[in-house]
Every structure is written in C-alpha cells, then in structure tokens.
Amino acid sequence: MPTHGSLTKAGKVRGQTPKIEGRKKIGTNSSLRNKSNFKKRLILQRYPGQNKPSQKRRHR
C-alpha cells in the first residue's frame, strides 16, 4: 500500500511548533454546581434542552 510522502518526515510540523503552556482550568465547587442544578430542575421546573422563556426562536 503506497504512502503519501516518506515516513522519515512524519511529525515534522509538530516538532517545529513551539511549546505553549496551557491555561489552568478552574472548576466550580461541586456543592454550588448541585445547588444551581437543583434550582434549575426543581424550582424553575426546566427540562434538559429547554430554552429560557425570554428567548424566542426566529423561524426562517
């Protein structure tokens, strides 16, 4: 099975790109996340995928 280019050049571009440090991920507190989920599901009675009442879709 023929290849598109030689295997000696594999990874050339990735090796040339400079290494950049990633941003530190800041996660939310689990109790705050559970509290907001409880509020959305039980108090506001929203279902998964439901839009906010103030948002209206435009039909084309």
PDB file of N, CA and C in Angstrom:
ATOM      1  N   MET A   1       0.840  -1.176   0.000  1.00  0.00           N
ATOM      2  CA  MET A   1       0.000   0.000   0.000  1.00  0.00           C
ATOM      3  C   MET A   1       0.886   1.240   0.000  1.00  0.00           C
ATOM      4  N   PRO A   2       0.797   2.089  -1.006  1.00  0.00           N
ATOM      5  CA  PRO A   2       1.674   3.254  -1.085  1.00  0.00           C
ATOM      6  C   PRO A   2       1.299   4.314  -0.058  1.00  0.00           C
ATOM      7  N   THR A   3       2.316   5.026   0.390  1.00  0.00           N
ATOM      8  CA  THR A   3       2.085   6.108   1.358  1.00  0.00           C
ATOM      9  C   THR A   3       2.188   7.455   0.651  1.00  0.00           C
ATOM     10  N   HIS A   4       1.626   8.459   1.229  1.00  0.00           N
ATOM     11  CA  HIS A   4       1.691   9.819   0.693  1.00  0.00           C
ATOM     12  C   HIS A   4       2.846  10.546   1.379  1.00  0.00           C
ATOM     13  N   GLY A   5       4.022  10.389   0.881  1.00  0.00           N
ATOM     14  CA  GLY A   5       5.197  11.004   1.486  1.00  0.00           C
ATOM     15  C   GLY A   5       5.987   9.993   2.283  1.00  0.00           C
ATOM     16  N   SER A   6       7.205  10.338   2.572  1.00  0.00           N
ATOM     17  CA  SER A   6       8.065   9.398   3.281  1.00  0.00           C
ATOM     18  C   SER A   6       7.786   9.424   4.778  1.00  0.00           C
ATOM     19  N   LEU A   7       8.041   8.306   5.414  1.00  0.00           N
ATOM     20  CA  LEU A   7       7.801   8.211   6.853  1.00  0.00           C
ATOM     21  C   LEU A   7       8.881   8.912   7.664  1.00  0.00           C
ATOM     22  N   THR A   8       9.986   9.276   7.026  1.00  0.00           N
ATOM     23  CA  THR A   8      11.037   9.977   7.762  1.00  0.00           C
ATOM     24  C   THR A   8      10.627  11.401   8.089  1.00  0.00           C
ATOM     25  N   LYS A   9       9.652  11.947   7.348  1.00  0.00           N
ATOM     26  CA  LYS A   9       9.182  13.315   7.612  1.00  0.00           C
ATOM     27  C   LYS A   9       7.973  13.355   8.541  1.00  0.00           C
ATOM     28  N   ALA A  10       7.590  12.226   9.083  1.00  0.00           N
ATOM     29  CA  ALA A  10       6.402  12.180   9.943  1.00  0.00           C
ATOM     30  C   ALA A  10       6.646  12.965  11.229  1.00  0.00           C
ATOM     31  N   GLY A  11       5.708  13.827  11.587  1.00  0.00           N
ATOM     32  CA  GLY A  11       5.813  14.622  12.809  1.00  0.00           C
ATOM     33  C   GLY A  11       6.683  15.836  12.673  1.00  0.00           C
ATOM     34  N   LYS A  12       7.015  16.246  11.457  1.00  0.00           N
ATOM     35  CA  LYS A  12       7.924  17.371  11.243  1.00  0.00           C
ATOM     36  C   LYS A  12       7.332  18.683  11.750  1.00  0.00           C
ATOM     37  N   VAL A  13       6.096  18.961  11.395  1.00  0.00           N
ATOM     38  CA  VAL A  13       5.484  20.237  11.763  1.00  0.00           C
ATOM     39  C   VAL A  13       5.251  20.312  13.263  1.00  0.00           C
ATOM     40  N   ARG A  14       4.793  19.218  13.848  1.00  0.00           N
ATOM     41  CA  ARG A  14       4.542  19.218  15.288  1.00  0.00           C
ATOM     42  C   ARG A  14       5.828  19.411  16.073  1.00  0.00           C
ATOM     43  N   GLY A  15       6.914  18.846  15.588  1.00  0.00           N
ATOM     44  CA  GLY A  15       8.189  19.020  16.263  1.00  0.00           C
ATOM     45  C   GLY A  15       8.727  20.439  16.158  1.00  0.00           C
ATOM     46  N   GLN A  16       8.349  21.153  15.101  1.00  0.00           N
ATOM     47  CA  GLN A  16       8.850  22.515  14.908  1.00  0.00           C
ATOM     48  C   GLN A  16       8.059  23.563  15.677  1.00  0.00           C
ATOM     49  N   THR A  17       6.815  23.264  16.027  1.00  0.00           N
ATOM     50  CA  THR A  17       5.996  24.272  16.693  1.00  0.00           C
ATOM     51  C   THR A  17       6.471  24.459  18.129  1.00  0.00           C
ATOM     52  N   PRO A  18       6.487  25.711  18.600  1.00  0.00           N
ATOM     53  CA  PRO A  18       6.936  25.960  19.980  1.00  0.00           C
ATOM     54  C   PRO A  18       5.906  25.470  20.991  1.00  0.00           C
ATOM     55  N   LYS A  19       6.398  25.003  22.115  1.00  0.00           N
ATOM     56  CA  LYS A  19       5.539  24.500  23.168  1.00  0.00           C
ATOM     57  C   LYS A  19       4.941  25.670  23.935  1.00  0.00           C
ATOM     58  N   ILE A  20       3.620  25.673  24.081  1.00  0.00           N
ATOM     59  CA  ILE A  20       2.927  26.720  24.811  1.00  0.00           C
ATOM     60  C   ILE A  20       2.237  26.075  26.002  1.00  0.00           C
ATOM     61  N   GLU A  21       2.430  26.661  27.171  1.00  0.00           N
ATOM     62  CA  GLU A  21       1.805  26.122  28.375  1.00  0.00           C
ATOM     63  C   GLU A  21       0.303  26.384  28.338  1.00  0.00           C
ATOM     64  N   GLY A  22      -0.464  25.401  28.750  1.00  0.00           N
ATOM     65  CA  GLY A  22      -1.915  25.546  28.765  1.00  0.00           C
ATOM     66  C   GLY A  22      -2.381  26.374  29.943  1.00  0.00           C
ATOM     67  N   ARG A  23      -3.601  26.895  29.823  1.00  0.00           N
ATOM     68  CA  ARG A  23      -4.180  27.666  30.919  1.00  0.00           C
ATOM     69  C   ARG A  23      -4.625  26.733  32.031  1.00  0.00           C
ATOM     70  N   LYS A  24      -4.568  27.211  33.257  1.00  0.00           N
ATOM     71  CA  LYS A  24      -5.011  26.415  34.380  1.00  0.00           C
ATOM     72  C   LYS A  24      -6.535  26.374  34.378  1.00  0.00           C
ATOM     73  N   LYS A  25      -7.099  25.177  34.459  1.00  0.00           N
ATOM     74  CA  LYS A  25      -8.538  25.029  34.472  1.00  0.00           C
ATOM     75  C   LYS A  25      -9.072  25.306  35.867  1.00  0.00           C
ATOM     76  N   ILE A  26     -10.080  26.149  35.920  1.00  0.00           N
ATOM     77  CA  ILE A  26     -10.703  26.485  37.201  1.00  0.00           C
ATOM     78  C   ILE A  26     -12.076  25.840  37.220  1.00  0.00           C
ATOM     79  N   GLY A  27     -12.242  24.842  38.052  1.00  0.00           N
ATOM     80  CA  GLY A  27     -13.511  24.146  38.136  1.00  0.00           C
ATOM     81  C   GLY A  27     -14.415  24.780  39.178  1.00  0.00           C
ATOM     82  N   THR A  28     -15.712  24.503  39.069  1.00  0.00           N
ATOM     83  CA  THR A  28     -16.646  25.038  40.048  1.00  0.00           C
ATOM     84  C   THR A  28     -16.728  24.093  41.244  1.00  0.00           C
ATOM     85  N   ASN A  29     -17.163  24.647  42.339  1.00  0.00           N
ATOM     86  CA  ASN A  29     -17.361  23.866  43.545  1.00  0.00           C
ATOM     87  C   ASN A  29     -18.534  22.918  43.317  1.00  0.00           C
ATOM     88  N   SER A  30     -18.422  21.666  43.744  1.00  0.00           N
ATOM     89  CA  SER A  30     -19.461  20.691  43.457  1.00  0.00           C
ATOM     90  C   SER A  30     -20.759  21.034  44.172  1.00  0.00           C
ATOM     91  N   SER A  31     -20.681  21.609  45.383  1.00  0.00           N
ATOM     92  CA  SER A  31     -21.914  21.955  46.090  1.00  0.00           C
ATOM     93  C   SER A  31     -22.635  23.106  45.404  1.00  0.00           C
ATOM     94  N   LEU A  32     -21.881  24.056  44.855  1.00  0.00           N
ATOM     95  CA  LEU A  32     -22.506  25.151  44.109  1.00  0.00           C
ATOM     96  C   LEU A  32     -23.132  24.649  42.820  1.00  0.00           C
ATOM     97  N   ARG A  33     -22.452  23.705  42.157  1.00  0.00           N
ATOM     98  CA  ARG A  33     -22.990  23.138  40.933  1.00  0.00           C
ATOM     99  C   ARG A  33     -24.285  22.371  41.218  1.00  0.00           C
ATOM    100  N   ASN A  34     -24.302  21.584  42.306  1.00  0.00           N
ATOM    101  CA  ASN A  34     -25.504  20.849  42.676  1.00  0.00           C
ATOM    102  C   ASN A  34     -26.635  21.797  43.045  1.00  0.00           C
ATOM    103  N   LYS A  35     -26.297  22.888  43.706  1.00  0.00           N
ATOM    104  CA  LYS A  35     -27.305  23.867  44.105  1.00  0.00           C
ATOM    105  C   LYS A  35     -27.945  24.516  42.883  1.00  0.00           C
ATOM    106  N   SER A  36     -27.109  24.879  41.883  1.00  0.00           N
ATOM    107  CA  SER A  36     -27.654  25.503  40.681  1.00  0.00           C
ATOM    108  C   SER A  36     -28.475  24.496  39.878  1.00  0.00           C
ATOM    109  N   ASN A  37     -28.049  23.232  39.837  1.00  0.00           N
ATOM    110  CA  ASN A  37     -28.832  22.209  39.142  1.00  0.00           C
ATOM    111  C   ASN A  37     -30.175  21.984  39.830  1.00  0.00           C
ATOM    112  N   PHE A  38     -30.174  21.973  41.152  1.00  0.00           N
ATOM    113  CA  PHE A  38     -31.421  21.808  41.908  1.00  0.00           C
ATOM    114  C   PHE A  38     -32.371  22.956  41.611  1.00  0.00           C
ATOM    115  N   LYS A  39     -31.826  24.176  41.600  1.00  0.00           N
ATOM    116  CA  LYS A  39     -32.653  25.350  41.341  1.00  0.00           C
ATOM    117  C   LYS A  39     -33.246  25.302  39.935  1.00  0.00           C
ATOM    118  N   LYS A  40     -32.421  24.920  38.957  1.00  0.00           N
ATOM    119  CA  LYS A  40     -32.907  24.869  37.584  1.00  0.00           C
ATOM    120  C   LYS A  40     -33.971  23.796  37.396  1.00  0.00           C
ATOM    121  N   ARG A  41     -33.756  22.619  37.980  1.00  0.00           N
ATOM    122  CA  ARG A  41     -34.641  21.492  37.720  1.00  0.00           C
ATOM    123  C   ARG A  41     -35.921  21.544  38.543  1.00  0.00           C
ATOM    124  N   LEU A  42     -35.814  21.828  39.846  1.00  0.00           N
ATOM    125  CA  LEU A  42     -36.972  21.707  40.718  1.00  0.00           C
ATOM    126  C   LEU A  42     -37.681  23.031  40.961  1.00  0.00           C
ATOM    127  N   ILE A  43     -36.945  24.100  41.159  1.00  0.00           N
ATOM    128  CA  ILE A  43     -37.580  25.379  41.455  1.00  0.00           C
ATOM    129  C   ILE A  43     -38.092  26.031  40.176  1.00  0.00           C
ATOM    130  N   LEU A  44     -37.257  26.098  39.141  1.00  0.00           N
ATOM    131  CA  LEU A  44     -37.671  26.717  37.886  1.00  0.00           C
ATOM    132  C   LEU A  44     -38.384  25.748  36.957  1.00  0.00           C
ATOM    133  N   GLN A  45     -38.352  24.451  37.291  1.00  0.00           N
ATOM    134  CA  GLN A  45     -39.010  23.379  36.534  1.00  0.00           C
ATOM    135  C   GLN A  45     -38.600  23.388  35.069  1.00  0.00           C
ATOM    136  N   ARG A  46     -37.318  23.398  34.842  1.00  0.00           N
ATOM    137  CA  ARG A  46     -36.809  23.358  33.476  1.00  0.00           C
ATOM    138  C   ARG A  46     -36.379  21.937  33.140  1.00  0.00           C
ATOM    139  N   TYR A  47     -36.527  21.593  31.886  1.00  0.00           N
ATOM    140  CA  TYR A  47     -36.126  20.285  31.405  1.00  0.00           C
ATOM    141  C   TYR A  47     -34.838  20.411  30.619  1.00  0.00           C
ATOM    142  N   PRO A  48     -34.115  19.338  30.407  1.00  0.00           N
ATOM    143  CA  PRO A  48     -32.885  19.423  29.623  1.00  0.00           C
ATOM    144  C   PRO A  48     -33.167  19.923  28.214  1.00  0.00           C
ATOM    145  N   GLY A  49     -32.404  20.913  27.784  1.00  0.00           N
ATOM    146  CA  GLY A  49     -32.542  21.451  26.447  1.00  0.00           C
ATOM    147  C   GLY A  49     -33.605  22.518  26.320  1.00  0.00           C
ATOM    148  N   GLN A  50     -34.263  22.876  27.405  1.00  0.00           N
ATOM    149  CA  GLN A  50     -35.301  23.888  27.333  1.00  0.00           C
ATOM    150  C   GLN A  50     -34.657  25.271  27.288  1.00  0.00           C
ATOM    151  N   ASN A  51     -35.194  26.141  26.425  1.00  0.00           N
ATOM    152  CA  ASN A  51     -34.687  27.497  26.342  1.00  0.00           C
ATOM    153  C   ASN A  51     -35.322  28.359  27.421  1.00  0.00           C
ATOM    154  N   LYS A  52     -34.680  29.475  27.714  1.00  0.00           N
ATOM    155  CA  LYS A  52     -35.236  30.406  28.676  1.00  0.00           C
ATOM    156  C   LYS A  52     -36.514  31.003  28.116  1.00  0.00           C
ATOM    157  N   PRO A  53     -37.471  31.321  28.967  1.00  0.00           N
ATOM    158  CA  PRO A  53     -38.739  31.865  28.457  1.00  0.00           C
ATOM    159  C   PRO A  53     -38.561  33.192  27.722  1.00  0.00           C
ATOM    160  N   SER A  54     -37.548  33.957  28.073  1.00  0.00           N
ATOM    161  CA  SER A  54     -37.363  35.258  27.430  1.00  0.00           C
ATOM    162  C   SER A  54     -36.785  35.127  26.020  1.00  0.00           C
ATOM    163  N   GLN A  55     -36.168  33.981  25.714  1.00  0.00           N
ATOM    164  CA  GLN A  55     -35.587  33.785  24.392  1.00  0.00           C
ATOM    165  C   GLN A  55     -36.643  33.225  23.445  1.00  0.00           C
ATOM    166  N   LYS A  56     -36.730  33.800  22.259  1.00  0.00           N
ATOM    167  CA  LYS A  56     -37.669  33.302  21.277  1.00  0.00           C
ATOM    168  C   LYS A  56     -36.906  32.972  20.020  1.00  0.00           C
ATOM    169  N   ARG A  57     -37.273  31.874  19.378  1.00  0.00           N
ATOM    170  CA  ARG A  57     -36.618  31.469  18.150  1.00  0.00           C
ATOM    171  C   ARG A  57     -37.221  32.209  16.970  1.00  0.00           C
ATOM    172  N   ARG A  58     -36.357  32.544  16.036  1.00  0.00           N
ATOM    173  CA  ARG A  58     -36.833  33.129  14.796  1.00  0.00           C
ATOM    174  C   ARG A  58     -36.887  32.035  13.747  1.00  0.00           C
ATOM    175  N   HIS A  59     -38.022  31.880  13.097  1.00  0.00           N
ATOM    176  CA  HIS A  59     -38.150  30.899  12.036  1.00  0.00           C
ATOM    177  C   HIS A  59     -37.834  31.567  10.719  1.00  0.00           C
ATOM    178  N   ARG A  60     -37.064  30.893   9.891  1.00  0.00           N
ATOM    179  CA  ARG A  60     -36.681  31.458   8.584  1.00  0.00           C
ATOM    180  C   ARG A  60     -37.573  30.934   7.508  1.00  0.00           C
TER     181      ARG A  60
END
